[in-house]
Amino acid sequence: MTHPSFDVALFGEAMLLLVADQPGPIENATAFHKRTAGAETNVAIGLSRLGLKVGWASRLGTDSMGRALLAAMQGEGIDCSHVITDATQRTGFQFKGRVTDGSDPPVEYHRKGSAASQMGPADIDEAWLRSARHLHATGVFAAISSTSLQAATKSMDVMRQAGRTISFDPNLRPTLWSSPEVMRNTINDLAARADWVLPGMEEGLFLTGESTPEGVAHFYRQRGARLVVVKLGAEGAYYDSDVAGTGRVEGFPVKEIVDTVGAGDGFAAGVVSALLEGRTVPEAVRRGAWIGARAVQVLGDTEGLPTRAQLEEARL
């Protein structure tokens, strides 16, 4: 059996994020700030800042956006040896508006046909993947193309066969799927391959038909998940685990909600990092809730993700 040489592997698309510098419709903005975006890359950055060894696999164009994203990920200490740069492909990007009322900001994606959407099963280096202790997967990578779905499925199957742990965040993106039914069935099929499933309550209602966190958790526990954590926003989270039973963790107070995008990714980084460190389920969920609360108080997807020093200062 291959001995793990790093902590967490992730596959997914990175996009250049252009955030409007003033509130209002995106089309009225005259200036934007460049940042990184992508569910998997947000989690990768969060884990790396907490001191875990993280490997990220993807495809980028060789355009300026691809170069900026690769440099940013490498600057976070992430292993990018399995990121392929392709001069014939273009890098995805997105615009995000500014809001001042705590609501979800408007987002406009430009990712169709991107370099990352060309990824497929052949992009899964099985030996490299098995050298990770854990795989974190999301529903976003699976949604960007039919071949990326095949790659996502294969990555989870490889890790299951190797006896590694897998976490899965549904991260629903309805516009990327052909229909709500296809999204629901595919996401639930992927979730059934994971050990730790991390849905939000609204996602859980859509995916399971259950209207309570207990019902959502039970749905996935029946399908093989060892741990389900249902995110409840300001109310914290509910967990159902085969080692810790069930329980709730209170949310952390937030002075002002600035940007909600990326909060779930921060939550995932907190839960996964703590569990891989051997913390208890309540401790892991509490760390996730704390990081999620930090994330919504700043502009950008990753600006609120803490360092290990900040985590230790908070005694989490």
Protein backbone atom coordinates (compact mmCIF):
# COMPACT_ATOMS: atom_id res chain seq x y z
CA MET A 1 0.00 0.00 0.00
CA THR A 2 1.24 3.48 -0.93
CA HIS A 3 2.25 5.47 2.13
CA PRO A 4 0.66 8.97 2.06
CA SER A 5 3.18 11.73 1.45
CA PHE A 6 0.84 14.72 1.65
CA ASP A 7 -2.45 15.55 3.35
CA VAL A 8 -5.15 16.60 0.90
CA ALA A 9 -5.64 16.34 -2.86
CA LEU A 10 -8.14 18.47 -4.78
CA PHE A 11 -9.22 18.65 -8.42
CA GLY A 12 -11.03 21.69 -9.74
CA GLU A 13 -11.17 24.87 -11.72
CA ALA A 14 -9.53 28.11 -10.64
CA MET A 15 -10.96 31.30 -12.08
CA LEU A 16 -9.75 34.85 -12.03
CA LEU A 17 -12.22 36.83 -9.94
CA LEU A 18 -12.95 40.46 -10.81
CA VAL A 19 -14.74 42.15 -7.91
CA ALA A 20 -16.50 45.47 -8.48
CA ASP A 21 -15.11 48.33 -6.41
CA GLN A 22 -18.55 49.84 -5.71
CA PRO A 23 -22.05 48.56 -4.97
CA GLY A 24 -24.67 48.29 -7.68
CA PRO A 25 -25.23 46.31 -10.88
CA ILE A 26 -22.08 44.79 -12.32
CA GLU A 27 -22.62 46.63 -15.60
CA ASN A 28 -22.35 49.97 -13.80
CA ALA A 29 -18.97 49.20 -12.23
CA THR A 30 -16.00 51.02 -13.72
CA ALA A 31 -13.18 49.34 -11.80
CA PHE A 32 -12.54 45.83 -10.48
CA HIS A 33 -10.09 44.18 -8.09
CA LYS A 34 -8.39 40.95 -9.19
CA ARG A 35 -8.65 37.92 -6.90
CA THR A 36 -8.80 34.13 -7.13
CA ALA A 37 -12.01 32.08 -7.19
CA GLY A 38 -13.04 28.44 -7.30
CA ALA A 39 -14.63 26.19 -4.69
CA GLU A 40 -11.80 23.67 -4.63
CA THR A 41 -9.05 26.29 -4.73
CA ASN A 42 -10.68 28.20 -1.87
CA VAL A 43 -10.54 25.04 0.25
CA ALA A 44 -6.99 24.31 -0.89
CA ILE A 45 -5.86 27.78 0.19
CA GLY A 46 -7.69 27.46 3.50
CA LEU A 47 -6.05 24.12 4.27
CA SER A 48 -2.60 25.27 3.23
CA ARG A 49 -2.77 28.36 5.45
CA LEU A 50 -3.51 26.05 8.37
CA GLY A 51 -0.29 24.15 7.72
CA LEU A 52 -1.53 21.11 5.82
CA LYS A 53 0.33 19.79 2.78
CA VAL A 54 -2.03 20.32 -0.13
CA GLY A 55 -1.88 19.23 -3.77
CA TRP A 56 -4.15 20.74 -6.43
CA ALA A 57 -4.64 19.34 -9.95
CA SER A 58 -6.20 21.35 -12.75
CA ARG A 59 -5.76 22.86 -16.20
CA LEU A 60 -5.12 26.52 -17.00
CA GLY A 61 -4.46 28.49 -20.13
CA THR A 62 -1.10 30.19 -20.59
CA ASP A 63 -2.87 33.55 -20.76
CA SER A 64 -2.30 36.28 -18.19
CA MET A 65 -5.19 35.04 -16.08
CA GLY A 66 -3.77 31.52 -15.97
CA ARG A 67 -0.32 32.82 -15.05
CA ALA A 68 -1.77 34.96 -12.26
CA LEU A 69 -3.78 32.06 -10.81
CA LEU A 70 -0.87 29.64 -10.91
CA ALA A 71 1.41 32.15 -9.19
CA ALA A 72 -1.23 32.82 -6.53
CA MET A 73 -1.69 29.13 -5.75
CA GLN A 74 2.04 28.50 -5.63
CA GLY A 75 2.39 31.55 -3.41
CA GLU A 76 0.03 29.88 -0.93
CA GLY A 77 2.42 26.94 -0.66
CA ILE A 78 0.21 24.56 -2.64
CA ASP A 79 1.75 21.78 -4.75
CA CYS A 80 0.79 22.63 -8.34
CA SER A 81 2.90 19.94 -10.01
CA HIS A 82 -0.27 18.42 -11.47
CA VAL A 83 -1.59 21.66 -12.95
CA ILE A 84 -1.29 21.52 -16.74
CA THR A 85 -0.93 24.79 -18.64
CA ASP A 86 -2.22 24.63 -22.22
CA ALA A 87 -1.54 27.37 -24.73
CA THR A 88 -4.51 26.25 -26.85
CA GLN A 89 -7.03 26.74 -24.04
CA ARG A 90 -8.30 29.76 -22.13
CA THR A 91 -8.67 30.32 -18.41
CA GLY A 92 -12.12 30.85 -16.90
CA PHE A 93 -13.01 34.06 -15.07
CA GLN A 94 -15.94 35.64 -13.27
CA PHE A 95 -17.30 39.02 -12.26
CA LYS A 96 -18.72 39.63 -8.81
CA GLY A 97 -20.71 42.66 -7.75
CA ARG A 98 -20.62 44.48 -4.43
CA VAL A 99 -23.55 44.52 -1.99
CA THR A 100 -24.06 46.38 1.28
CA ASP A 101 -27.12 44.64 2.72
CA GLY A 102 -25.61 41.24 3.58
CA SER A 103 -27.29 39.48 0.64
CA ASP A 104 -25.51 37.21 -1.82
CA PRO A 105 -23.62 39.36 -4.35
CA PRO A 106 -24.42 39.06 -8.06
CA VAL A 107 -21.98 36.76 -9.86
CA GLU A 108 -21.41 36.33 -13.59
CA TYR A 109 -19.38 33.33 -14.80
CA HIS A 110 -17.31 33.07 -17.98
CA ARG A 111 -16.10 29.48 -17.80
CA LYS A 112 -17.80 27.55 -20.61
CA GLY A 113 -15.18 25.73 -22.69
CA SER A 114 -12.38 26.70 -20.30
CA ALA A 115 -9.14 24.77 -19.94
CA ALA A 116 -10.33 23.10 -16.73
CA SER A 117 -13.55 21.93 -18.41
CA GLN A 118 -11.38 19.85 -20.76
CA MET A 119 -10.18 17.67 -17.87
CA GLY A 120 -11.14 14.01 -17.94
CA PRO A 121 -10.29 10.63 -16.43
CA ALA A 122 -6.85 10.65 -18.08
CA ASP A 123 -5.95 13.64 -15.90
CA ILE A 124 -6.20 11.50 -12.76
CA ASP A 125 -2.67 10.45 -11.79
CA GLU A 126 -3.63 7.52 -9.58
CA ALA A 127 -0.23 7.10 -7.94
CA TRP A 128 -0.11 10.80 -7.02
CA LEU A 129 -3.68 10.73 -5.77
CA ARG A 130 -3.11 7.68 -3.59
CA SER A 131 -0.14 9.45 -2.03
CA ALA A 132 -2.62 11.82 -0.33
CA ARG A 133 -4.26 11.05 3.00
CA HIS A 134 -7.54 12.60 1.93
CA LEU A 135 -9.52 13.85 -1.09
CA HIS A 136 -11.81 16.87 -0.88
CA ALA A 137 -14.34 16.97 -3.72
CA THR A 138 -17.19 19.31 -4.64
CA GLY A 139 -20.12 19.32 -7.01
CA VAL A 140 -18.62 22.19 -8.98
CA PHE A 141 -15.80 20.28 -10.69
CA ALA A 142 -18.27 17.53 -11.55
CA ALA A 143 -20.61 20.07 -13.16
CA ILE A 144 -18.37 21.95 -15.56
CA SER A 145 -18.35 19.25 -18.28
CA SER A 146 -19.20 15.61 -18.95
CA THR A 147 -15.51 14.70 -18.90
CA SER A 148 -14.85 16.52 -15.63
CA LEU A 149 -17.70 14.51 -14.09
CA GLN A 150 -15.94 11.34 -15.20
CA ALA A 151 -12.71 12.63 -13.64
CA ALA A 152 -14.48 13.54 -10.39
CA THR A 153 -16.07 10.11 -10.16
CA LYS A 154 -12.79 8.35 -10.91
CA SER A 155 -10.89 10.37 -8.30
CA MET A 156 -13.38 9.39 -5.60
CA ASP A 157 -13.38 5.74 -6.67
CA VAL A 158 -9.57 5.60 -6.60
CA MET A 159 -9.47 6.97 -3.06
CA ARG A 160 -12.22 4.65 -1.83
CA GLN A 161 -10.33 1.67 -3.20
CA ALA A 162 -7.15 2.91 -1.52
CA GLY A 163 -8.91 3.20 1.85
CA ARG A 164 -8.44 6.96 2.05
CA THR A 165 -11.04 9.37 3.44
CA ILE A 166 -13.13 11.58 1.17
CA SER A 167 -15.08 14.75 1.99
CA PHE A 168 -17.74 16.11 -0.35
CA ASP A 169 -19.43 19.51 -0.50
CA PRO A 170 -22.42 19.57 -2.91
CA ASN A 171 -21.76 23.22 -3.82
CA LEU A 172 -24.74 23.38 -6.16
CA ARG A 173 -24.38 25.39 -9.39
CA PRO A 174 -27.76 24.98 -11.17
CA THR A 175 -26.70 26.88 -14.30
CA LEU A 176 -23.97 24.31 -14.99
CA TRP A 177 -26.36 21.33 -15.08
CA SER A 178 -28.75 20.32 -17.87
CA SER A 179 -31.68 20.04 -15.44
CA PRO A 180 -32.45 20.09 -11.71
CA GLU A 181 -33.13 16.35 -11.81
CA VAL A 182 -29.74 15.56 -13.35
CA MET A 183 -28.05 17.78 -10.76
CA ARG A 184 -29.88 16.11 -7.87
CA ASN A 185 -29.22 12.56 -9.03
CA THR A 186 -25.56 13.14 -9.90
CA ILE A 187 -24.73 15.04 -6.73
CA ASN A 188 -26.35 12.36 -4.57
CA ASP A 189 -24.46 9.66 -6.46
CA LEU A 190 -21.18 11.44 -5.73
CA ALA A 191 -22.13 12.03 -2.09
CA ALA A 192 -22.67 8.29 -1.68
CA ARG A 193 -18.95 7.82 -2.43
CA ALA A 194 -17.85 10.13 0.41
CA ASP A 195 -17.11 9.60 4.09
CA TRP A 196 -17.88 13.18 5.16
CA VAL A 197 -20.74 15.06 3.46
CA LEU A 198 -21.14 18.82 4.02
CA PRO A 199 -24.40 20.20 2.60
CA GLY A 200 -26.04 23.49 3.38
CA MET A 201 -29.64 23.32 4.62
CA GLU A 202 -31.09 24.86 1.45
CA GLU A 203 -29.04 22.44 -0.66
CA GLY A 204 -30.13 19.57 1.54
CA LEU A 205 -33.80 20.40 1.08
CA PHE A 206 -33.41 20.34 -2.70
CA LEU A 207 -31.24 17.21 -2.78
CA THR A 208 -33.12 15.08 -0.26
CA GLY A 209 -36.60 16.53 0.06
CA GLU A 210 -36.04 16.70 3.83
CA SER A 211 -36.98 19.95 5.57
CA THR A 212 -34.90 19.52 8.76
CA PRO A 213 -31.15 19.16 9.29
CA GLU A 214 -31.83 15.87 11.05
CA GLY A 215 -33.65 14.57 7.99
CA VAL A 216 -30.95 15.72 5.58
CA ALA A 217 -28.21 14.12 7.68
CA HIS A 218 -30.16 10.87 8.00
CA PHE A 219 -30.59 10.73 4.20
CA TYR A 220 -26.83 10.71 3.62
CA ARG A 221 -26.02 8.56 6.64
CA GLN A 222 -28.31 5.89 5.21
CA ARG A 223 -26.29 6.04 2.00
CA GLY A 224 -22.98 5.35 3.71
CA ALA A 225 -21.65 8.66 5.01
CA ARG A 226 -19.78 8.31 8.30
CA LEU A 227 -20.32 12.00 9.08
CA VAL A 228 -22.80 14.55 7.77
CA VAL A 229 -22.53 18.21 8.75
CA VAL A 230 -25.47 20.39 7.72
CA LYS A 231 -24.54 24.08 7.56
CA LEU A 232 -27.18 26.37 9.06
CA GLY A 233 -25.68 29.81 8.40
CA ALA A 234 -25.83 32.13 11.39
CA GLU A 235 -27.35 29.32 13.46
CA GLY A 236 -24.19 27.22 13.19
CA ALA A 237 -24.39 23.58 12.10
CA TYR A 238 -25.90 20.19 12.88
CA TYR A 239 -23.85 17.00 12.75
CA ASP A 240 -24.64 13.28 12.64
CA SER A 241 -21.65 10.98 13.05
CA ASP A 242 -20.93 7.31 13.62
CA VAL A 243 -18.38 8.19 16.33
CA ALA A 244 -19.87 11.30 17.96
CA GLY A 245 -23.60 10.81 17.57
CA THR A 246 -25.67 13.88 16.80
CA GLY A 247 -25.45 17.46 17.97
CA ARG A 248 -25.41 21.13 17.14
CA VAL A 249 -22.69 23.76 17.19
CA GLU A 250 -23.69 27.38 17.60
CA GLY A 251 -22.70 29.95 15.02
CA PHE A 252 -20.18 32.71 15.77
CA PRO A 253 -21.42 36.31 15.97
CA VAL A 254 -20.73 38.44 12.91
CA LYS A 255 -20.46 42.23 13.08
CA GLU A 256 -21.26 42.83 9.43
CA ILE A 257 -21.82 40.51 6.48
CA VAL A 258 -19.70 41.85 3.63
CA ASP A 259 -19.47 38.93 1.18
CA THR A 260 -21.11 35.52 1.60
CA VAL A 261 -19.29 33.81 -1.28
CA GLY A 262 -16.66 31.35 -0.07
CA ALA A 263 -18.08 30.93 3.44
CA GLY A 264 -18.97 27.29 2.80
CA ASP A 265 -15.49 26.62 1.45
CA GLY A 266 -13.98 28.12 4.59
CA PHE A 267 -16.31 25.93 6.66
CA ALA A 268 -15.08 22.87 4.76
CA ALA A 269 -11.43 23.80 5.31
CA GLY A 270 -12.09 24.08 9.03
CA VAL A 271 -13.89 20.75 9.36
CA VAL A 272 -11.48 18.79 7.16
CA SER A 273 -8.33 20.22 8.75
CA ALA A 274 -9.55 19.47 12.27
CA LEU A 275 -10.63 15.92 11.48
CA LEU A 276 -7.31 15.16 9.80
CA GLU A 277 -5.58 16.45 12.94
CA GLY A 278 -7.57 13.98 15.03
CA ARG A 279 -9.90 16.52 16.63
CA THR A 280 -13.38 15.45 17.72
CA VAL A 281 -16.39 16.03 15.48
CA PRO A 282 -17.79 18.88 17.66
CA GLU A 283 -14.35 20.54 17.67
CA ALA A 284 -14.11 20.19 13.89
CA VAL A 285 -17.57 21.64 13.29
CA ARG A 286 -16.84 24.51 15.68
CA ARG A 287 -13.65 25.32 13.75
CA GLY A 288 -15.61 25.23 10.51
CA ALA A 289 -18.25 27.59 11.87
CA TRP A 290 -15.57 30.01 13.08
CA ILE A 291 -13.82 30.14 9.72
CA GLY A 292 -17.13 30.49 7.88
CA ALA A 293 -18.00 33.47 10.09
CA ARG A 294 -14.63 35.08 9.34
CA ALA A 295 -15.13 34.55 5.61
CA VAL A 296 -18.38 36.52 5.36
CA GLN A 297 -16.90 39.60 7.02
CA VAL A 298 -14.40 40.41 4.26
CA LEU A 299 -14.49 41.02 0.54
CA GLY A 300 -13.24 38.16 -1.60
CA ASP A 301 -13.38 34.38 -1.44
CA THR A 302 -10.17 33.73 0.52
CA GLU A 303 -9.27 36.95 2.34
CA GLY A 304 -10.94 35.76 5.56
CA LEU A 305 -9.24 32.36 5.67
CA PRO A 306 -6.99 32.28 8.76
CA THR A 307 -3.39 31.26 9.21
CA ARG A 308 -2.34 28.59 11.69
CA ALA A 309 -1.20 31.33 14.07
CA GLN A 310 -4.62 32.99 13.97
CA LEU A 311 -6.27 29.62 14.55
CA GLU A 312 -4.11 28.94 17.59
CA GLU A 313 -4.76 32.46 18.91
CA ALA A 314 -8.48 31.67 18.77
CA ARG A 315 -7.79 28.34 20.50
CA LEU A 316 -9.50 26.39 17.77
